[in-house]
């Protein structure tokens, strides 16, 4: 008979043993490499486009428009992308998305190299990349749930965040130099190559076609009643609308999971929309140019990597209190950010922000992955992505407008408020996942 779904705090283990166990999982080293190289290219692209648009238009509103175009597809794509993620092999889906984005960026790189890239064409590239990313992020996170057993989810999320932020760190450190020497064409060429390499990393771990499992993983927050009511075996091939209704009904009946998702969505909205202000901070207040902007972004990524390493040990002690403290620092710190007058101090503060965001992201995402059944993961992640997108679009426009027509200080105050909203959402969470117990359900 199935064993009970028991969760406990794990005893401290040597960090080396944890990482060795994690990377001994077949496929995870390739997953880690794919995320690193993909986000390295994405970081180069994002920062390069931001620098190019600001230099060409001298307008933070135009910069915010590029951010909005990147996030706009996530208003429409995630609901259907989530259904697709829950129906097909997530590995093949990630490969197709990587190759498609590689082709799009390669065309833009060629146009930039020939000197014929128009601003509307650049915006078109950003929009198409946004469509791909709207599906890619939820599908890759759902794939992680298949690669890693539940007891290692916190460590796995920490490792993935280190890969993501490590890629962004390397991109932030290099983007200023590459932009000054090779221009936007060189940056886009590098981005296209990283997407192709990421697709290869997803291809190598296994062979064959593996659609998502019908059975659910053990969950931190009980979904037994929902599973019994939904009865997935009654309709093996439901329609798209039925799939959407099932996903929404799941979130409606799981308020704690919803609170976790809202916390994560507010954090993501703050991270993405902050780019509008950080580039203006570097250029208009600190006067440090592209290199200084790259260093500030590198500070964020370095802090995130450190936070990724710290997240697993902290998760074994007081995860909820750590999450609340991290969100508090993000809210207050961003409100004070425009008052820094020195580049080293700005880099240090951004490193602290990166570490806090990393810890918060690992704790919330690990809880989500441990709580949501595998067959619902794509739709759940897509719903949270949709929430984040709505917040990102509103925040990006508001921040850009305030920075250009009011003051940068007021814009940063609003940015702090979105992290304050994440803090309020986190206060609704009664318990937070640390690491699930190693006990697994056995066959009946």
Protein backbone atom coordinates (compact mmCIF):
# COMPACT_ATOMS: atom_id res chain seq x y z
CA UNK A 1 0.00 0.00 0.00
CA UNK A 2 1.22 3.57 -0.57
CA UNK A 3 3.28 5.05 2.15
CA UNK A 4 2.14 8.21 3.86
CA UNK A 5 3.25 11.56 2.46
CA UNK A 6 5.55 12.73 5.22
CA UNK A 7 7.82 15.77 5.06
CA UNK A 8 10.51 16.74 7.47
CA UNK A 9 13.48 19.03 7.81
CA UNK A 10 16.65 17.27 6.69
CA UNK A 11 19.64 16.99 8.96
CA UNK A 12 22.69 19.03 7.93
CA UNK A 13 24.93 17.28 5.45
CA UNK A 14 28.23 18.19 3.95
CA UNK A 15 27.77 20.55 1.03
CA UNK A 16 30.09 18.47 -1.12
CA UNK A 17 27.97 15.35 -0.57
CA UNK A 18 24.78 17.21 -1.48
CA UNK A 19 26.21 18.52 -4.74
CA UNK A 20 27.73 15.14 -5.65
CA UNK A 21 24.38 13.45 -5.08
CA UNK A 22 22.58 16.11 -7.08
CA UNK A 23 24.87 15.94 -10.09
CA UNK A 24 24.83 12.13 -10.04
CA UNK A 25 21.26 12.28 -11.32
CA UNK A 26 21.28 11.31 -14.97
CA UNK A 27 20.54 14.34 -17.09
CA UNK A 28 20.98 17.03 -14.45
CA UNK A 29 24.53 18.07 -15.50
CA UNK A 30 23.20 18.67 -19.03
CA UNK A 31 20.20 20.55 -17.63
CA UNK A 32 22.54 22.72 -15.55
CA UNK A 33 24.76 23.44 -18.57
CA UNK A 34 21.76 24.25 -20.77
CA UNK A 35 20.43 26.78 -18.29
CA UNK A 36 23.86 28.39 -17.84
CA UNK A 37 24.64 28.92 -21.52
CA UNK A 38 21.06 29.90 -22.41
CA UNK A 39 20.86 32.56 -19.71
CA UNK A 40 24.37 33.79 -20.55
CA UNK A 41 23.13 34.56 -24.04
CA UNK A 42 19.85 35.97 -22.76
CA UNK A 43 21.73 38.26 -20.38
CA UNK A 44 23.98 39.49 -23.19
CA UNK A 45 20.94 40.09 -25.40
CA UNK A 46 18.89 41.86 -22.74
CA UNK A 47 21.67 44.21 -21.65
CA UNK A 48 22.88 44.78 -25.22
CA UNK A 49 19.43 45.70 -26.51
CA UNK A 50 18.92 48.00 -23.52
CA UNK A 51 22.20 49.83 -24.16
CA UNK A 52 21.51 50.07 -27.90
CA UNK A 53 17.99 51.44 -27.49
CA UNK A 54 19.05 54.00 -24.88
CA UNK A 55 22.00 55.15 -27.01
CA UNK A 56 19.86 55.41 -30.15
CA UNK A 57 16.76 57.06 -28.64
CA UNK A 58 18.02 58.66 -25.37
CA UNK A 59 14.65 57.73 -23.87
CA UNK A 60 13.88 55.56 -20.84
CA UNK A 61 10.34 55.24 -22.20
CA UNK A 62 11.76 53.49 -25.28
CA UNK A 63 13.80 51.24 -22.99
CA UNK A 64 10.65 50.39 -21.04
CA UNK A 65 8.91 49.67 -24.37
CA UNK A 66 11.54 47.04 -25.19
CA UNK A 67 10.98 45.45 -21.78
CA UNK A 68 7.21 45.52 -22.32
CA UNK A 69 7.57 43.86 -25.74
CA UNK A 70 9.68 41.12 -24.16
CA UNK A 71 7.02 40.43 -21.54
CA UNK A 72 3.85 41.17 -23.55
CA UNK A 73 3.57 37.66 -25.10
CA UNK A 74 3.32 36.22 -21.61
CA UNK A 75 -0.15 37.72 -21.36
CA UNK A 76 -1.50 35.46 -24.10
CA UNK A 77 0.93 32.57 -24.51
CA UNK A 78 1.21 31.04 -20.99
CA UNK A 79 -2.32 29.57 -20.72
CA UNK A 80 -1.92 27.63 -23.96
CA UNK A 81 1.80 27.10 -23.44
CA UNK A 82 1.03 25.52 -20.08
CA UNK A 83 -1.41 23.09 -21.68
CA UNK A 84 1.23 22.25 -24.31
CA UNK A 85 3.85 21.73 -21.59
CA UNK A 86 1.55 19.28 -19.80
CA UNK A 87 0.86 17.28 -22.99
CA UNK A 88 4.19 16.82 -24.81
CA UNK A 89 7.71 15.76 -23.93
CA UNK A 90 9.14 18.81 -22.17
CA UNK A 91 12.67 18.03 -23.33
CA UNK A 92 11.71 18.13 -27.01
CA UNK A 93 9.68 21.27 -26.41
CA UNK A 94 12.70 23.00 -24.85
CA UNK A 95 14.91 21.94 -27.79
CA UNK A 96 12.47 23.33 -30.35
CA UNK A 97 12.17 26.62 -28.46
CA UNK A 98 15.95 26.98 -28.23
CA UNK A 99 16.48 26.32 -31.95
CA UNK A 100 13.68 28.69 -32.90
CA UNK A 101 15.14 31.51 -30.81
CA UNK A 102 18.60 30.82 -32.23
CA UNK A 103 17.26 31.33 -35.77
CA UNK A 104 15.47 34.58 -34.84
CA UNK A 105 18.53 36.08 -33.16
CA UNK A 106 20.82 34.98 -36.02
CA UNK A 107 18.71 36.93 -38.53
CA UNK A 108 18.81 40.04 -36.33
CA UNK A 109 22.57 39.66 -35.87
CA UNK A 110 23.06 39.52 -39.64
CA UNK A 111 20.98 42.68 -40.13
CA UNK A 112 22.94 44.47 -37.39
CA UNK A 113 26.27 43.38 -38.92
CA UNK A 114 25.21 44.77 -42.31
CA UNK A 115 24.12 48.03 -40.65
CA UNK A 116 20.53 47.67 -41.79
CA UNK A 117 18.81 46.79 -38.50
CA UNK A 118 15.89 49.14 -37.93
CA UNK A 119 14.44 49.81 -34.50
CA UNK A 120 11.12 48.18 -35.41
CA UNK A 121 12.98 45.05 -36.50
CA UNK A 122 14.83 44.95 -33.19
CA UNK A 123 11.52 45.30 -31.36
CA UNK A 124 10.12 42.48 -33.49
CA UNK A 125 13.00 40.24 -32.44
CA UNK A 126 12.38 41.10 -28.78
CA UNK A 127 8.68 40.28 -29.17
CA UNK A 128 9.36 36.88 -30.77
CA UNK A 129 11.93 36.03 -28.11
CA UNK A 130 9.30 36.89 -25.54
CA UNK A 131 6.93 34.37 -27.13
CA UNK A 132 9.57 31.66 -26.89
CA UNK A 133 10.57 32.51 -23.35
CA UNK A 134 6.92 32.53 -22.24
CA UNK A 135 6.82 28.78 -22.89
CA UNK A 136 10.47 27.94 -22.27
CA UNK A 137 10.66 28.97 -18.63
CA UNK A 138 7.63 26.97 -17.46
CA UNK A 139 8.60 23.95 -19.59
CA UNK A 140 12.17 23.91 -18.26
CA UNK A 141 11.02 24.17 -14.65
CA UNK A 142 8.50 21.41 -15.22
CA UNK A 143 11.26 19.29 -16.79
CA UNK A 144 13.36 19.78 -13.65
CA UNK A 145 10.62 18.06 -11.66
CA UNK A 146 11.08 14.99 -13.89
CA UNK A 147 14.88 14.98 -13.64
CA UNK A 148 15.23 15.40 -9.86
CA UNK A 149 13.65 13.31 -7.06
CA UNK A 150 11.59 15.30 -4.50
CA UNK A 151 14.17 15.11 -1.65
CA UNK A 152 16.66 17.10 -3.75
CA UNK A 153 14.36 19.86 -5.02
CA UNK A 154 15.79 22.64 -2.84
CA UNK A 155 19.38 21.78 -3.82
CA UNK A 156 18.33 21.44 -7.46
CA UNK A 157 16.60 24.82 -7.46
CA UNK A 158 19.68 26.35 -5.85
CA UNK A 159 21.89 24.80 -8.53
CA UNK A 160 19.62 25.98 -11.35
CA UNK A 161 19.53 29.47 -9.93
CA UNK A 162 23.33 29.41 -9.70
CA UNK A 163 23.44 28.35 -13.36
CA UNK A 164 21.00 31.10 -14.35
CA UNK A 165 22.67 33.82 -12.35
CA UNK A 166 26.15 32.52 -13.17
CA UNK A 167 25.29 32.95 -16.83
CA UNK A 168 23.92 36.43 -16.12
CA UNK A 169 27.03 37.23 -14.07
CA UNK A 170 29.34 36.28 -16.93
CA UNK A 171 27.13 38.23 -19.33
CA UNK A 172 27.12 41.32 -17.12
CA UNK A 173 30.89 41.25 -16.82
CA UNK A 174 31.42 40.95 -20.57
CA UNK A 175 28.54 42.84 -22.17
CA UNK A 176 30.11 46.29 -21.83
CA UNK A 177 33.39 45.19 -23.42
CA UNK A 178 31.67 43.22 -26.20
CA UNK A 179 29.28 46.08 -26.94
CA UNK A 180 32.11 48.60 -27.22
CA UNK A 181 34.14 46.35 -29.55
CA UNK A 182 31.64 44.29 -31.56
CA UNK A 183 28.45 46.30 -31.14
CA UNK A 184 24.97 44.84 -31.03
CA UNK A 185 25.77 42.43 -33.89
CA UNK A 186 28.45 40.67 -31.85
CA UNK A 187 26.17 40.38 -28.83
CA UNK A 188 23.33 38.91 -30.90
CA UNK A 189 25.70 36.44 -32.58
CA UNK A 190 26.83 35.18 -29.18
CA UNK A 191 23.21 34.90 -28.03
CA UNK A 192 22.24 32.80 -31.06
CA UNK A 193 25.17 30.44 -30.51
CA UNK A 194 24.22 29.90 -26.85
CA UNK A 195 20.66 28.92 -27.79
CA UNK A 196 22.00 26.30 -30.20
CA UNK A 197 24.37 24.94 -27.54
CA UNK A 198 21.53 24.84 -25.01
CA UNK A 199 19.43 22.78 -27.42
CA UNK A 200 22.29 20.29 -27.73
CA UNK A 201 22.51 20.00 -23.94
CA UNK A 202 18.80 19.18 -23.74
CA UNK A 203 19.14 16.60 -26.51
CA UNK A 204 21.98 14.56 -24.99
CA UNK A 205 20.62 13.24 -21.64
CA UNK A 206 18.13 10.65 -22.92
CA UNK A 207 16.48 9.12 -25.95
CA UNK A 208 12.84 8.51 -26.65
CA UNK A 209 9.59 10.37 -26.15
CA UNK A 210 8.38 10.88 -22.56
CA UNK A 211 5.13 12.83 -22.06
CA UNK A 212 4.32 14.09 -18.54
CA UNK A 213 3.25 11.45 -16.05
CA UNK A 214 -0.36 11.19 -14.98
CA UNK A 215 0.52 10.24 -11.40
CA UNK A 216 1.45 13.02 -9.00
CA UNK A 217 4.56 13.39 -6.92
CA UNK A 218 4.18 13.60 -3.16
CA UNK A 219 3.16 17.12 -2.24
CA UNK A 220 4.01 19.45 0.58
CA UNK A 221 0.59 21.08 0.63
CA UNK A 222 -2.09 18.42 0.35
CA UNK A 223 -3.77 18.11 -3.05
CA UNK A 224 -5.32 14.71 -2.39
CA UNK A 225 -8.88 16.03 -2.35
CA UNK A 226 -8.35 17.88 -5.61
CA UNK A 227 -6.82 14.82 -7.29
CA UNK A 228 -9.73 12.66 -6.21
CA UNK A 229 -12.28 15.17 -7.51
CA UNK A 230 -10.52 15.82 -10.81
CA UNK A 231 -10.15 12.09 -11.63
CA UNK A 232 -7.62 12.46 -14.48
CA UNK A 233 -8.22 8.92 -15.75
CA UNK A 234 -11.84 9.72 -16.59
CA UNK A 235 -10.86 11.84 -19.58
CA UNK A 236 -7.38 10.93 -20.87
CA UNK A 237 -7.46 13.53 -23.68
CA UNK A 238 -9.46 16.52 -22.44
CA UNK A 239 -9.84 19.61 -24.59
CA UNK A 240 -7.75 22.72 -24.16
CA UNK A 241 -10.51 24.58 -22.34
CA UNK A 242 -11.03 21.64 -20.00
CA UNK A 243 -7.29 21.63 -19.26
CA UNK A 244 -7.35 25.36 -18.53
CA UNK A 245 -10.37 24.98 -16.26
CA UNK A 246 -8.68 22.17 -14.35
CA UNK A 247 -5.55 24.25 -13.80
CA UNK A 248 -7.52 27.27 -12.57
CA UNK A 249 -9.62 25.08 -10.31
CA UNK A 250 -6.44 23.65 -8.79
CA UNK A 251 -5.15 27.10 -7.86
CA UNK A 252 -8.56 28.09 -6.52
CA UNK A 253 -8.56 25.12 -4.15
CA UNK A 254 -4.90 25.54 -3.07
CA UNK A 255 -4.58 29.03 -1.50
CA UNK A 256 -1.13 28.37 -0.05
CA UNK A 257 0.27 27.37 -3.44
CA UNK A 258 -1.36 30.46 -4.91
CA UNK A 259 0.28 32.65 -2.25
CA UNK A 260 3.66 31.11 -3.11
CA UNK A 261 3.07 31.84 -6.78
CA UNK A 262 2.02 35.42 -6.11
CA UNK A 263 5.14 35.98 -4.02
CA UNK A 264 7.31 34.63 -6.84
CA UNK A 265 5.43 36.65 -9.48
CA UNK A 266 5.96 39.92 -7.58
CA UNK A 267 9.67 39.17 -7.23
CA UNK A 268 9.98 38.43 -10.95
CA UNK A 269 8.11 41.62 -11.84
CA UNK A 270 10.55 43.60 -9.72
CA UNK A 271 13.61 41.94 -11.24
CA UNK A 272 12.62 42.45 -14.89
CA UNK A 273 11.18 45.95 -14.60
CA UNK A 274 14.17 47.13 -12.53
CA UNK A 275 16.28 47.02 -15.70
CA UNK A 276 14.55 50.21 -16.86
CA UNK A 277 15.85 52.06 -13.80
CA UNK A 278 19.28 50.48 -13.32
CA UNK A 279 20.47 51.53 -16.77
CA UNK A 280 19.23 55.08 -16.05
CA UNK A 281 20.96 54.99 -12.65
CA UNK A 282 24.25 54.04 -14.30
CA UNK A 283 24.02 56.65 -17.06
CA UNK A 284 22.19 59.60 -15.50
CA UNK A 285 23.14 59.52 -11.81
CA UNK A 286 26.46 57.70 -11.59
CA UNK A 287 27.66 58.60 -15.12
CA UNK A 288 29.56 55.30 -15.51
CA UNK A 289 28.33 54.28 -18.98
CA UNK A 290 28.05 50.79 -20.44
CA UNK A 291 30.93 49.32 -18.46
CA UNK A 292 29.60 50.60 -15.16
CA UNK A 293 26.15 49.27 -16.00
CA UNK A 294 27.69 45.89 -16.73
CA UNK A 295 29.51 45.93 -13.38
CA UNK A 296 26.29 46.78 -11.52
CA UNK A 297 24.51 43.90 -13.25
CA UNK A 298 27.45 41.62 -12.45
CA UNK A 299 27.07 42.57 -8.79
CA UNK A 300 23.47 41.36 -8.91
CA UNK A 301 24.45 38.08 -10.54
CA UNK A 302 27.35 37.49 -8.12
CA UNK A 303 25.05 38.07 -5.17
CA UNK A 304 22.52 35.69 -6.69
CA UNK A 305 25.14 32.96 -7.06
CA UNK A 306 26.13 33.38 -3.41
CA UNK A 307 22.47 33.39 -2.43
CA UNK A 308 21.95 30.19 -4.39
CA UNK A 309 24.64 28.44 -2.37
CA UNK A 310 23.21 29.81 0.88
CA UNK A 311 19.58 28.93 0.12
CA UNK A 312 19.75 25.19 0.87
CA UNK A 313 21.37 25.55 4.34
CA UNK A 314 18.94 28.35 5.22
CA UNK A 315 16.00 26.24 4.05
CA UNK A 316 16.83 23.64 6.71
CA UNK A 317 16.51 26.15 9.54
CA UNK A 318 13.95 28.97 9.36
CA UNK A 319 12.84 29.14 5.71
CA UNK A 320 9.76 31.29 6.28
CA UNK A 321 11.59 33.86 8.37
CA UNK A 322 14.43 33.97 5.84
CA UNK A 323 11.98 34.61 3.01
CA UNK A 324 10.30 37.47 4.88
CA UNK A 325 13.67 39.04 5.76
CA UNK A 326 14.88 38.80 2.14
CA UNK A 327 11.75 40.47 0.80
CA UNK A 328 11.98 43.21 3.43
CA UNK A 329 15.57 43.99 2.36
CA UNK A 330 14.52 44.09 -1.29
CA UNK A 331 11.66 46.49 -0.59
CA UNK A 332 13.60 48.93 1.59
CA UNK A 333 16.87 48.64 -0.32
CA UNK A 334 15.40 49.52 -3.71
CA UNK A 335 13.67 52.56 -2.26
CA UNK A 336 17.09 53.78 -1.11
CA UNK A 337 19.03 52.68 -4.21
CA UNK A 338 18.99 56.01 -6.14
CA UNK A 339 20.75 57.76 -3.26
CA UNK A 340 24.01 55.89 -3.76
CA UNK A 341 26.69 58.17 -5.13
CA UNK A 342 29.50 55.73 -5.81
CA UNK A 343 29.76 52.86 -8.28
CA UNK A 344 31.31 50.40 -5.75
CA UNK A 345 28.42 51.03 -3.34
CA UNK A 346 25.87 50.51 -6.12
CA UNK A 347 27.54 47.21 -7.05
CA UNK A 348 27.52 46.10 -3.40
CA UNK A 349 23.87 46.98 -2.90
CA UNK A 350 22.89 45.22 -6.10
CA UNK A 351 24.82 42.16 -4.94
CA UNK A 352 22.76 42.14 -1.73
CA UNK A 353 19.58 42.46 -3.80
CA UNK A 354 20.68 39.56 -6.00
CA UNK A 355 21.35 37.37 -2.98
CA UNK A 356 17.98 38.17 -1.40
CA UNK A 357 16.12 37.54 -4.61
CA UNK A 358 17.98 34.24 -5.12
CA UNK A 359 17.09 32.99 -1.65
CA UNK A 360 13.47 34.03 -2.10
CA UNK A 361 13.24 32.41 -5.52
CA UNK A 362 14.75 29.10 -4.36
CA UNK A 363 12.45 28.88 -1.34
CA UNK A 364 9.27 29.68 -3.28
CA UNK A 365 10.07 27.61 -6.38
CA UNK A 366 11.16 24.59 -4.33
CA UNK A 367 7.87 24.74 -2.46
CA UNK A 368 5.93 25.00 -5.71
CA UNK A 369 7.77 22.05 -7.29
CA UNK A 370 7.27 19.97 -4.14
CA UNK A 371 3.59 20.84 -3.91
CA UNK A 372 2.14 20.72 -7.43
CA UNK A 373 1.39 17.38 -9.15
CA UNK A 374 3.58 16.73 -12.20
CA UNK A 375 0.67 16.66 -14.65
CA UNK A 376 -0.41 20.16 -13.50
CA UNK A 377 3.04 21.73 -13.26
CA UNK A 378 3.06 23.34 -16.72
CA UNK A 379 -0.30 25.03 -16.23
CA UNK A 380 0.57 26.14 -12.70
CA UNK A 381 3.91 27.65 -13.73
CA UNK A 382 2.25 29.33 -16.71
CA UNK A 383 -0.41 30.86 -14.48
CA UNK A 384 2.27 32.32 -12.24
CA UNK A 385 4.16 33.55 -15.32
CA UNK A 386 0.98 35.29 -16.50
CA UNK A 387 0.62 37.00 -13.12
CA UNK A 388 4.24 38.12 -13.27
CA UNK A 389 3.83 39.41 -16.82
CA UNK A 390 0.87 41.62 -15.98
CA UNK A 391 2.85 43.12 -13.12
CA UNK A 392 5.98 43.50 -15.29
CA UNK A 393 4.18 45.37 -18.06
CA UNK A 394 2.45 47.76 -15.66
CA UNK A 395 5.63 48.30 -13.67
CA UNK A 396 7.89 48.74 -16.71
CA UNK A 397 5.68 51.45 -18.18
CA UNK A 398 5.14 53.17 -14.84
CA UNK A 399 8.84 53.10 -13.95
CA UNK A 400 9.91 54.40 -17.36
CA UNK A 401 7.35 57.21 -17.24
CA UNK A 402 8.26 58.24 -13.70
CA UNK A 403 11.99 58.17 -14.48
CA UNK A 404 11.53 60.42 -17.52
CA UNK A 405 8.73 62.76 -16.42
CA UNK A 406 9.12 62.81 -12.62
CA UNK A 407 12.24 61.70 -10.75
CA UNK A 408 14.33 58.55 -10.66
CA UNK A 409 13.97 58.52 -6.87
CA UNK A 410 10.18 58.28 -7.12
CA UNK A 411 10.49 55.49 -9.67
CA UNK A 412 12.74 53.47 -7.35
CA UNK A 413 10.23 54.01 -4.54
CA UNK A 414 7.58 52.36 -6.70
CA UNK A 415 10.01 49.51 -7.43
CA UNK A 416 10.42 48.99 -3.69
CA UNK A 417 6.63 48.84 -3.41
CA UNK A 418 6.38 45.80 -5.70
CA UNK A 419 8.76 43.92 -3.43
CA UNK A 420 6.60 45.11 -0.55
CA UNK A 421 3.65 43.46 -2.30
CA UNK A 422 5.67 40.23 -2.47
CA UNK A 423 6.27 40.54 1.26
CA UNK A 424 2.54 40.88 1.93
CA UNK A 425 1.84 37.79 -0.18
CA UNK A 426 4.52 35.84 1.70
CA UNK A 427 2.93 36.70 5.01
CA UNK A 428 -0.02 34.53 3.99
CA UNK A 429 2.16 31.46 3.71
CA UNK A 430 1.81 29.32 6.83
CA UNK A 431 4.59 26.89 6.06
CA UNK A 432 7.40 26.72 3.54
CA UNK A 433 9.05 23.71 1.97
CA UNK A 434 12.51 22.80 3.15
CA UNK A 435 13.40 19.40 1.72
CA UNK A 436 10.85 16.59 1.40
CA UNK A 437 11.52 13.42 3.31
CA UNK A 438 13.29 10.65 1.47
CA UNK A 439 10.36 8.30 1.96
CA UNK A 440 8.68 7.63 -1.37
CA UNK A 441 5.35 6.06 -2.28
CA UNK A 442 5.67 2.34 -2.91
CA UNK A 443 3.69 0.21 -5.28
CA UNK A 444 0.40 -1.08 -3.98
